[in-house]
Amino acid sequence: MARQAVRIAVPLPPADPPADPTAGALRHVVDEVFASTYAIGELKLEVARGAVRRRS
């Protein structure tokens, strides 16, 4: 079984809100997607670590 190296990005601190309300709303959506993706990645790693421990 091949092993892959995984890099975890640290969530960035919130940026200053843009002056354009549409851009601000879009930034909020992007931040939510990023946070969700980050959380899903951490859960996948936790599950993978548990699977490796059970096999050992």
Protein backbone atom coordinates (compact mmCIF):
# COMPACT_ATOMS: atom_id res chain seq x y z
CA MET A 1 0.00 0.00 0.00
CA ALA A 2 1.39 3.39 -0.96
CA ARG A 3 1.56 6.06 1.69
CA GLN A 4 0.96 9.69 0.90
CA ALA A 5 2.39 12.68 2.68
CA VAL A 6 -0.31 15.03 3.86
CA ARG A 7 0.22 18.74 4.46
CA ILE A 8 -2.32 20.47 6.61
CA ALA A 9 -2.80 24.14 6.02
CA VAL A 10 -3.39 26.24 9.08
CA PRO A 11 -6.55 28.32 8.75
CA LEU A 12 -5.76 31.93 7.98
CA PRO A 13 -6.88 34.70 10.32
CA PRO A 14 -9.89 36.68 9.09
CA ALA A 15 -8.99 39.44 6.66
CA ASP A 16 -10.35 42.97 6.75
CA PRO A 17 -13.81 43.07 5.20
CA PRO A 18 -13.89 44.44 1.64
CA ALA A 19 -15.74 47.69 0.94
CA ASP A 20 -17.98 46.06 -1.70
CA PRO A 21 -20.86 44.17 0.01
CA THR A 22 -20.98 41.57 -2.77
CA ALA A 23 -17.28 40.83 -2.37
CA GLY A 24 -17.80 40.64 1.39
CA ALA A 25 -20.57 38.08 0.97
CA LEU A 26 -18.47 36.07 -1.44
CA ARG A 27 -15.51 36.15 0.97
CA HIS A 28 -17.80 34.81 3.70
CA VAL A 29 -18.88 31.92 1.45
CA VAL A 30 -15.26 31.14 0.55
CA ASP A 31 -14.24 31.24 4.22
CA GLU A 32 -17.07 28.84 5.12
CA VAL A 33 -16.09 26.43 2.33
CA PHE A 34 -12.44 26.59 3.43
CA ALA A 35 -13.36 25.92 7.06
CA SER A 36 -15.60 23.00 6.09
CA THR A 37 -12.96 21.51 3.81
CA TYR A 38 -10.34 21.84 6.53
CA ALA A 39 -12.61 20.12 9.07
CA ILE A 40 -13.42 17.29 6.65
CA GLY A 41 -9.70 16.79 5.98
CA GLU A 42 -8.97 16.55 9.70
CA LEU A 43 -11.78 14.01 10.15
CA LYS A 44 -10.43 11.92 7.26
CA LEU A 45 -6.97 11.92 8.84
CA GLU A 46 -8.42 10.92 12.21
CA VAL A 47 -10.33 8.04 10.61
CA ALA A 48 -7.22 6.97 8.67
CA ARG A 49 -5.11 6.99 11.83
CA GLY A 50 -7.73 4.87 13.59
CA ALA A 51 -7.73 2.37 10.72
CA VAL A 52 -3.94 2.09 10.85
CA ARG A 53 -4.02 1.51 14.63
CA ARG A 54 -6.62 -1.26 14.26
CA ARG A 55 -4.47 -3.05 11.67
CA SER A 56 -1.35 -2.92 13.85
